[in-house]
Amino acid sequence: MKPRLTITALLTLCGSSAVFAADFNIPMAFEYIAVDGQEIKTSLFNHKSEIELDKGTHKIAIRYNDLVEDDFSDSETNIKSNAFVVTIDVDGDYSYQLKPADGEFVKNPKSFAKAPQVVITREDKGNVSYQVTQTNIGEESFVSRFFSGNDATDLDAEAAVVTGAAVAVASTPSAPVSKPSPAAAATLPAVSATSTTAPVTSSDDAAKAEQMLQYWWLHADEQTRKEFMSWAIKQL
C-alpha cells in the first residue's frame, strides 16, 4: 500500500516553502532612489516609505531630502544629500527600519546632508548585517543649473547603476569633470546654427518640467500651493 500525504501534511509542506518578504522602511525625510539596479520613482505627492525585500543581499540607494526652516526668514529651505548606498543581508521575514544615527530625527540638517550617518535596526531587536557607503552622486539645484548651463544629473539612472553593480562603490571612484563657469561660458564662441545637435526627447522635457515644478512648489507659500492644487485637480 502506497503512503498518502494527508491534507495537513500538504498544507505544512506548502507553508514551509512559501516565499517570504521582509520590509524595509525609511522616514519621510528620506527617499528611495534605486534598489538592486532598478529605479524607484517618487514625487512631491507620492512618498514611498516601504519596500519589500526577499532573502539575500540587496543594495538600496537612498538620499536625505527634507524641507527645513530657514535661519534668516520664515520660509523653508530644501536640503538634499548625495545618494548613499545601504548593502543589507536579509535572512528572514523581518521589518527593517532606517533612522539617523543621532536619534529619531535629523538634528542638524545641513551638516547631516554632507555625509548622512544612519543606522538600520530590526523591529524584533535582532542583529542586522549591513554596510553604508557614501557616494558622490548628487543633483544640482534648479537655480545652479539655470545660471551654469550644466545638464541635470540623472540621479535615478546613476543610482540604479551603483546598486546593480557587483563591486563596492568605494572601489570605483570617478574623477570630477571640469565645467566652465558662467563667466567663462559667456566668452565661448557661438555654435553654428547648422551644427547637429541631439534631439531632446519628450521624456527629457518631462523630467525638466518636473524639476522646475518641484523648485517652484518648494518655494511657494501655502496659499499659492492651495491655489495650484485646486487648479491641478480640475485638470484631471
C-alpha atoms as a PDB file:
ATOM      1  CA  MET A   1       0.000   0.000   0.000  1.00  0.00           C
ATOM      2  CA  LYS A   2       1.469   3.340  -1.047  1.00  0.00           C
ATOM      3  CA  PRO A   3       1.662   6.050   1.619  1.00  0.00           C
ATOM      4  CA  ARG A   4      -0.595   9.042   1.064  1.00  0.00           C
ATOM      5  CA  LEU A   5       0.004  12.621   2.089  1.00  0.00           C
ATOM      6  CA  THR A   6      -2.737  13.959   4.316  1.00  0.00           C
ATOM      7  CA  ILE A   7      -4.229  17.418   3.782  1.00  0.00           C
ATOM      8  CA  THR A   8      -2.471  18.647   6.917  1.00  0.00           C
ATOM      9  CA  ALA A   9       0.875  17.396   5.637  1.00  0.00           C
ATOM     10  CA  LEU A  10       0.341  19.072   2.269  1.00  0.00           C
ATOM     11  CA  LEU A  11      -0.531  22.381   3.907  1.00  0.00           C
ATOM     12  CA  THR A  12       2.538  22.134   6.119  1.00  0.00           C
ATOM     13  CA  LEU A  13       4.732  21.387   3.108  1.00  0.00           C
ATOM     14  CA  CYS A  14       3.327  24.323   1.138  1.00  0.00           C
ATOM     15  CA  GLY A  15       3.683  26.646   4.093  1.00  0.00           C
ATOM     16  CA  SER A  16       7.314  25.724   4.652  1.00  0.00           C
ATOM     17  CA  SER A  17       8.197  26.500   1.048  1.00  0.00           C
ATOM     18  CA  ALA A  18       6.277  29.766   0.852  1.00  0.00           C
ATOM     19  CA  VAL A  19       8.289  32.776  -0.270  1.00  0.00           C
ATOM     20  CA  PHE A  20       8.705  35.349   2.484  1.00  0.00           C
ATOM     21  CA  ALA A  21       9.199  39.065   2.064  1.00  0.00           C
ATOM     22  CA  ALA A  22      10.911  41.343   4.539  1.00  0.00           C
ATOM     23  CA  ASP A  23      10.048  45.043   4.584  1.00  0.00           C
ATOM     24  CA  PHE A  24      12.471  47.977   4.698  1.00  0.00           C
ATOM     25  CA  ASN A  25      11.226  51.347   5.972  1.00  0.00           C
ATOM     26  CA  ILE A  26      12.551  54.912   5.810  1.00  0.00           C
ATOM     27  CA  PRO A  27      11.332  58.172   7.450  1.00  0.00           C
ATOM     28  CA  MET A  28       9.613  60.960   5.499  1.00  0.00           C
ATOM     29  CA  ALA A  29      12.867  62.946   5.379  1.00  0.00           C
ATOM     30  CA  PHE A  30      14.500  60.257   3.215  1.00  0.00           C
ATOM     31  CA  GLU A  31      13.667  58.899  -0.216  1.00  0.00           C
ATOM     32  CA  TYR A  32      14.481  55.778  -2.202  1.00  0.00           C
ATOM     33  CA  ILE A  33      16.340  56.230  -5.479  1.00  0.00           C
ATOM     34  CA  ALA A  34      17.078  52.686  -6.648  1.00  0.00           C
ATOM     35  CA  VAL A  35      17.106  49.097  -5.405  1.00  0.00           C
ATOM     36  CA  ASP A  36      19.262  46.356  -6.926  1.00  0.00           C
ATOM     37  CA  GLY A  37      19.671  48.250 -10.182  1.00  0.00           C
ATOM     38  CA  GLN A  38      16.014  49.245 -10.525  1.00  0.00           C
ATOM     39  CA  GLU A  39      14.995  52.905 -10.300  1.00  0.00           C
ATOM     40  CA  ILE A  40      12.280  53.868  -7.810  1.00  0.00           C
ATOM     41  CA  LYS A  41      10.133  56.776  -8.921  1.00  0.00           C
ATOM     42  CA  THR A  42       8.827  59.163  -6.283  1.00  0.00           C
ATOM     43  CA  SER A  43       7.318  62.628  -6.444  1.00  0.00           C
ATOM     44  CA  LEU A  44       6.183  65.506  -4.265  1.00  0.00           C
ATOM     45  CA  PHE A  45       2.786  63.870  -3.933  1.00  0.00           C
ATOM     46  CA  ASN A  46       3.874  60.248  -3.587  1.00  0.00           C
ATOM     47  CA  HIS A  47       6.440  59.431  -0.909  1.00  0.00           C
ATOM     48  CA  LYS A  48       7.359  55.748  -0.786  1.00  0.00           C
ATOM     49  CA  SER A  49       8.307  54.781   2.755  1.00  0.00           C
ATOM     50  CA  GLU A  50       8.392  50.978   2.490  1.00  0.00           C
ATOM     51  CA  ILE A  51       9.749  48.387   0.070  1.00  0.00           C
ATOM     52  CA  GLU A  52       9.732  44.593   0.190  1.00  0.00           C
ATOM     53  CA  LEU A  53      12.924  42.547   0.037  1.00  0.00           C
ATOM     54  CA  ASP A  54      13.334  38.829  -0.498  1.00  0.00           C
ATOM     55  CA  LYS A  55      16.046  36.682   1.052  1.00  0.00           C
ATOM     56  CA  GLY A  56      19.594  37.593   0.078  1.00  0.00           C
ATOM     57  CA  THR A  57      21.849  40.633  -0.271  1.00  0.00           C
ATOM     58  CA  HIS A  58      20.377  43.901  -1.534  1.00  0.00           C
ATOM     59  CA  LYS A  59      21.778  47.313  -2.453  1.00  0.00           C
ATOM     60  CA  ILE A  60      19.491  50.261  -1.766  1.00  0.00           C
ATOM     61  CA  ALA A  61      20.322  53.804  -2.904  1.00  0.00           C
ATOM     62  CA  ILE A  62      18.755  56.429  -0.627  1.00  0.00           C
ATOM     63  CA  ARG A  63      19.180  60.132  -0.022  1.00  0.00           C
ATOM     64  CA  TYR A  64      18.193  62.671   2.613  1.00  0.00           C
ATOM     65  CA  ASN A  65      15.678  65.158   1.202  1.00  0.00           C
ATOM     66  CA  ASP A  66      13.801  67.450   3.571  1.00  0.00           C
ATOM     67  CA  LEU A  67      12.325  70.918   3.976  1.00  0.00           C
ATOM     68  CA  VAL A  68      13.738  72.795   6.964  1.00  0.00           C
ATOM     69  CA  GLU A  69      13.047  76.237   8.348  1.00  0.00           C
ATOM     70  CA  ASP A  70      15.433  78.892   7.104  1.00  0.00           C
ATOM     71  CA  ASP A  71      17.624  80.513   9.774  1.00  0.00           C
ATOM     72  CA  PHE A  72      17.108  84.020   8.411  1.00  0.00           C
ATOM     73  CA  SER A  73      13.474  84.032   7.274  1.00  0.00           C
ATOM     74  CA  ASP A  74      10.097  82.387   7.748  1.00  0.00           C
ATOM     75  CA  SER A  75      10.467  80.355   4.564  1.00  0.00           C
ATOM     76  CA  GLU A  76      11.655  76.771   4.216  1.00  0.00           C
ATOM     77  CA  THR A  77      14.793  75.501   2.516  1.00  0.00           C
ATOM     78  CA  ASN A  78      15.052  72.219   0.667  1.00  0.00           C
ATOM     79  CA  ILE A  79      18.160  70.314   1.794  1.00  0.00           C
ATOM     80  CA  LYS A  80      19.319  67.246  -0.115  1.00  0.00           C
ATOM     81  CA  SER A  81      22.255  64.913   0.362  1.00  0.00           C
ATOM     82  CA  ASN A  82      24.147  62.901  -2.200  1.00  0.00           C
ATOM     83  CA  ALA A  83      22.937  59.355  -2.553  1.00  0.00           C
ATOM     84  CA  PHE A  84      24.248  56.761  -0.120  1.00  0.00           C
ATOM     85  CA  VAL A  85      24.017  53.007  -0.604  1.00  0.00           C
ATOM     86  CA  VAL A  86      22.831  50.561   2.041  1.00  0.00           C
ATOM     87  CA  THR A  87      24.023  47.000   1.407  1.00  0.00           C
ATOM     88  CA  ILE A  88      21.950  44.679   3.587  1.00  0.00           C
ATOM     89  CA  ASP A  89      21.732  40.907   4.082  1.00  0.00           C
ATOM     90  CA  VAL A  90      18.124  39.777   4.528  1.00  0.00           C
ATOM     91  CA  ASP A  91      17.835  36.376   6.192  1.00  0.00           C
ATOM     92  CA  GLY A  92      14.247  36.307   7.419  1.00  0.00           C
ATOM     93  CA  ASP A  93      10.772  37.784   7.297  1.00  0.00           C
ATOM     94  CA  TYR A  94      11.741  40.835   9.351  1.00  0.00           C
ATOM     95  CA  SER A  95      10.833  44.506   9.440  1.00  0.00           C
ATOM     96  CA  TYR A  96      13.857  46.788   8.988  1.00  0.00           C
ATOM     97  CA  GLN A  97      13.928  50.480   9.881  1.00  0.00           C
ATOM     98  CA  LEU A  98      16.410  53.159   8.771  1.00  0.00           C
ATOM     99  CA  LYS A  99      16.991  56.069  11.151  1.00  0.00           C
ATOM    100  CA  PRO A 100      19.528  58.887  11.574  1.00  0.00           C
ATOM    101  CA  ALA A 101      22.462  57.752  13.704  1.00  0.00           C
ATOM    102  CA  ASP A 102      21.899  60.580  16.194  1.00  0.00           C
ATOM    103  CA  GLY A 103      18.254  59.816  17.017  1.00  0.00           C
ATOM    104  CA  GLU A 104      14.710  59.695  15.702  1.00  0.00           C
ATOM    105  CA  PHE A 105      15.163  62.811  13.563  1.00  0.00           C
ATOM    106  CA  VAL A 106      17.995  64.797  11.978  1.00  0.00           C
ATOM    107  CA  LYS A 107      19.209  67.422  14.450  1.00  0.00           C
ATOM    108  CA  ASN A 108      21.497  69.400  12.115  1.00  0.00           C
ATOM    109  CA  PRO A 109      20.168  69.015   8.543  1.00  0.00           C
ATOM    110  CA  LYS A 110      22.897  70.942   6.699  1.00  0.00           C
ATOM    111  CA  SER A 111      25.717  69.092   8.425  1.00  0.00           C
ATOM    112  CA  PHE A 112      23.916  65.766   8.116  1.00  0.00           C
ATOM    113  CA  ALA A 113      23.372  66.199   4.371  1.00  0.00           C
ATOM    114  CA  LYS A 114      27.123  66.430   3.748  1.00  0.00           C
ATOM    115  CA  ALA A 115      27.632  62.788   4.809  1.00  0.00           C
ATOM    116  CA  PRO A 116      24.454  61.106   6.115  1.00  0.00           C
ATOM    117  CA  GLN A 117      25.098  58.758   9.037  1.00  0.00           C
ATOM    118  CA  VAL A 118      22.305  56.233   9.501  1.00  0.00           C
ATOM    119  CA  VAL A 119      21.618  53.004  11.372  1.00  0.00           C
ATOM    120  CA  ILE A 120      19.457  50.035  10.389  1.00  0.00           C
ATOM    121  CA  THR A 121      17.526  48.209  13.101  1.00  0.00           C
ATOM    122  CA  ARG A 122      15.114  45.304  13.185  1.00  0.00           C
ATOM    123  CA  GLU A 123      11.674  45.513  14.769  1.00  0.00           C
ATOM    124  CA  ASP A 124      12.372  42.356  16.790  1.00  0.00           C
ATOM    125  CA  LYS A 125      15.687  43.853  18.032  1.00  0.00           C
ATOM    126  CA  GLY A 126      17.690  41.184  16.212  1.00  0.00           C
ATOM    127  CA  ASN A 127      21.117  41.728  14.657  1.00  0.00           C
ATOM    128  CA  VAL A 128      21.285  43.318  11.206  1.00  0.00           C
ATOM    129  CA  SER A 129      24.139  42.750   8.771  1.00  0.00           C
ATOM    130  CA  TYR A 130      24.540  45.900   6.678  1.00  0.00           C
ATOM    131  CA  GLN A 131      27.014  48.448   5.339  1.00  0.00           C
ATOM    132  CA  VAL A 132      26.507  52.108   4.399  1.00  0.00           C
ATOM    133  CA  THR A 133      28.602  53.589   1.580  1.00  0.00           C
ATOM    134  CA  GLN A 134      28.667  57.298   0.751  1.00  0.00           C
ATOM    135  CA  THR A 135      28.732  58.260  -2.949  1.00  0.00           C
ATOM    136  CA  ASN A 136      29.335  61.439  -4.934  1.00  0.00           C
ATOM    137  CA  ILE A 137      26.089  61.011  -6.858  1.00  0.00           C
ATOM    138  CA  GLY A 138      24.264  64.280  -6.367  1.00  0.00           C
ATOM    139  CA  GLU A 139      21.880  66.650  -8.068  1.00  0.00           C
ATOM    140  CA  GLU A 140      22.439  70.312  -8.869  1.00  0.00           C
ATOM    141  CA  SER A 141      19.727  72.684  -7.768  1.00  0.00           C
ATOM    142  CA  PHE A 142      17.498  74.187 -10.440  1.00  0.00           C
ATOM    143  CA  VAL A 143      18.931  77.669  -9.812  1.00  0.00           C
ATOM    144  CA  SER A 144      22.504  76.395 -10.095  1.00  0.00           C
ATOM    145  CA  ARG A 145      21.776  74.683 -13.421  1.00  0.00           C
ATOM    146  CA  PHE A 146      19.956  77.768 -14.717  1.00  0.00           C
ATOM    147  CA  PHE A 147      22.961  80.037 -14.236  1.00  0.00           C
ATOM    148  CA  SER A 148      25.696  77.496 -15.014  1.00  0.00           C
ATOM    149  CA  GLY A 149      24.112  75.899 -18.065  1.00  0.00           C
ATOM    150  CA  ASN A 150      25.012  72.418 -16.815  1.00  0.00           C
ATOM    151  CA  ASP A 151      22.807  69.486 -17.744  1.00  0.00           C
ATOM    152  CA  ALA A 152      20.759  67.946 -14.952  1.00  0.00           C
ATOM    153  CA  THR A 153      22.253  64.891 -13.295  1.00  0.00           C
ATOM    154  CA  ASP A 154      20.198  61.761 -13.944  1.00  0.00           C
ATOM    155  CA  LEU A 155      20.269  60.777 -10.285  1.00  0.00           C
ATOM    156  CA  ASP A 156      17.960  57.779 -10.634  1.00  0.00           C
ATOM    157  CA  ALA A 157      19.925  56.284 -13.517  1.00  0.00           C
ATOM    158  CA  GLU A 158      23.293  56.694 -11.786  1.00  0.00           C
ATOM    159  CA  ALA A 159      21.950  55.197  -8.563  1.00  0.00           C
ATOM    160  CA  ALA A 160      20.487  52.274 -10.490  1.00  0.00           C
ATOM    161  CA  VAL A 161      23.919  51.544 -11.941  1.00  0.00           C
ATOM    162  CA  VAL A 162      25.528  51.720  -8.495  1.00  0.00           C
ATOM    163  CA  THR A 163      23.004  49.426  -6.814  1.00  0.00           C
ATOM    164  CA  GLY A 164      23.187  46.973  -9.684  1.00  0.00           C
ATOM    165  CA  ALA A 165      26.992  46.781  -9.657  1.00  0.00           C
ATOM    166  CA  ALA A 166      28.689  43.666  -8.332  1.00  0.00           C
ATOM    167  CA  VAL A 167      31.616  45.586  -6.837  1.00  0.00           C
ATOM    168  CA  ALA A 168      31.635  48.073  -3.977  1.00  0.00           C
ATOM    169  CA  VAL A 169      31.058  51.726  -4.810  1.00  0.00           C
ATOM    170  CA  ALA A 170      34.219  52.783  -3.000  1.00  0.00           C
ATOM    171  CA  SER A 171      36.336  50.667  -5.367  1.00  0.00           C
ATOM    172  CA  THR A 172      35.248  52.624  -8.447  1.00  0.00           C
ATOM    173  CA  PRO A 173      35.781  56.338  -7.728  1.00  0.00           C
ATOM    174  CA  SER A 174      35.031  58.720 -10.556  1.00  0.00           C
ATOM    175  CA  ALA A 175      37.151  61.724 -11.452  1.00  0.00           C
ATOM    176  CA  PRO A 176      35.434  65.124 -11.303  1.00  0.00           C
ATOM    177  CA  VAL A 177      34.559  66.694 -14.647  1.00  0.00           C
ATOM    178  CA  SER A 178      35.671  70.273 -15.160  1.00  0.00           C
ATOM    179  CA  LYS A 179      32.891  72.589 -16.366  1.00  0.00           C
ATOM    180  CA  PRO A 180      33.176  76.244 -17.403  1.00  0.00           C
ATOM    181  CA  SER A 181      31.884  78.915 -15.038  1.00  0.00           C
ATOM    182  CA  PRO A 182      29.018  81.176 -16.201  1.00  0.00           C
ATOM    183  CA  ALA A 183      31.512  83.973 -16.900  1.00  0.00           C
ATOM    184  CA  ALA A 184      33.791  81.691 -18.905  1.00  0.00           C
ATOM    185  CA  ALA A 185      30.855  80.208 -20.784  1.00  0.00           C
ATOM    186  CA  ALA A 186      29.865  83.692 -21.918  1.00  0.00           C
ATOM    187  CA  THR A 187      33.231  84.111 -23.701  1.00  0.00           C
ATOM    188  CA  LEU A 188      32.992  80.850 -25.650  1.00  0.00           C
ATOM    189  CA  PRO A 189      32.356  81.133 -29.420  1.00  0.00           C
ATOM    190  CA  ALA A 190      28.764  80.700 -30.512  1.00  0.00           C
ATOM    191  CA  VAL A 191      27.809  77.369 -32.039  1.00  0.00           C
ATOM    192  CA  SER A 192      26.913  77.448 -35.710  1.00  0.00           C
ATOM    193  CA  ALA A 193      23.210  77.182 -36.472  1.00  0.00           C
ATOM    194  CA  THR A 194      23.982  74.358 -38.905  1.00  0.00           C
ATOM    195  CA  SER A 195      25.706  72.186 -36.298  1.00  0.00           C
ATOM    196  CA  THR A 196      23.976  68.924 -35.495  1.00  0.00           C
ATOM    197  CA  THR A 197      22.535  68.534 -32.010  1.00  0.00           C
ATOM    198  CA  ALA A 198      20.852  65.544 -30.426  1.00  0.00           C
ATOM    199  CA  PRO A 199      17.066  65.951 -30.343  1.00  0.00           C
ATOM    200  CA  VAL A 200      15.528  66.355 -26.907  1.00  0.00           C
ATOM    201  CA  THR A 201      13.086  63.555 -26.202  1.00  0.00           C
ATOM    202  CA  SER A 202       9.708  64.037 -24.611  1.00  0.00           C
ATOM    203  CA  SER A 203      10.945  62.164 -21.526  1.00  0.00           C
ATOM    204  CA  ASP A 204      13.753  64.721 -21.138  1.00  0.00           C
ATOM    205  CA  ASP A 205      11.235  67.544 -21.382  1.00  0.00           C
ATOM    206  CA  ALA A 206       9.013  65.876 -18.799  1.00  0.00           C
ATOM    207  CA  ALA A 207      11.928  65.413 -16.392  1.00  0.00           C
ATOM    208  CA  LYS A 208      12.977  69.057 -16.680  1.00  0.00           C
ATOM    209  CA  ALA A 209       9.388  70.227 -16.287  1.00  0.00           C
ATOM    210  CA  GLU A 210       9.040  68.141 -13.120  1.00  0.00           C
ATOM    211  CA  GLN A 211      12.261  69.591 -11.703  1.00  0.00           C
ATOM    212  CA  MET A 212      11.038  73.140 -12.380  1.00  0.00           C
ATOM    213  CA  LEU A 213       7.708  72.325 -10.749  1.00  0.00           C
ATOM    214  CA  GLN A 214       9.462  70.876  -7.702  1.00  0.00           C
ATOM    215  CA  TYR A 215      11.581  74.001  -7.336  1.00  0.00           C
ATOM    216  CA  TRP A 216       8.539  76.256  -7.640  1.00  0.00           C
ATOM    217  CA  TRP A 217       6.487  74.142  -5.198  1.00  0.00           C
ATOM    218  CA  LEU A 218       9.217  74.164  -2.525  1.00  0.00           C
ATOM    219  CA  HIS A 219       9.459  77.949  -2.663  1.00  0.00           C
ATOM    220  CA  ALA A 220       5.743  78.742  -2.903  1.00  0.00           C
ATOM    221  CA  ASP A 221       3.743  79.855   0.121  1.00  0.00           C
ATOM    222  CA  GLU A 222       0.827  77.840   1.491  1.00  0.00           C
ATOM    223  CA  GLN A 223      -1.863  79.908  -0.246  1.00  0.00           C
ATOM    224  CA  THR A 224      -0.175  79.586  -3.631  1.00  0.00           C
ATOM    225  CA  ARG A 225       0.158  75.832  -3.165  1.00  0.00           C
ATOM    226  CA  LYS A 226      -3.562  75.532  -2.361  1.00  0.00           C
ATOM    227  CA  GLU A 227      -4.493  77.531  -5.453  1.00  0.00           C
ATOM    228  CA  PHE A 228      -2.244  75.381  -7.612  1.00  0.00           C
ATOM    229  CA  MET A 229      -3.665  72.142  -6.179  1.00  0.00           C
ATOM    230  CA  SER A 230      -7.187  73.405  -6.858  1.00  0.00           C
ATOM    231  CA  TRP A 231      -6.244  74.139 -10.456  1.00  0.00           C
ATOM    232  CA  ALA A 232      -4.411  70.810 -10.909  1.00  0.00           C
ATOM    233  CA  ILE A 233      -7.380  68.785  -9.639  1.00  0.00           C
ATOM    234  CA  LYS A 234      -9.657  70.479 -12.182  1.00  0.00           C
ATOM    235  CA  GLN A 235      -7.308  69.367 -14.965  1.00  0.00           C
ATOM    236  CA  LEU A 236      -7.702  65.661 -14.095  1.00  0.00           C
END
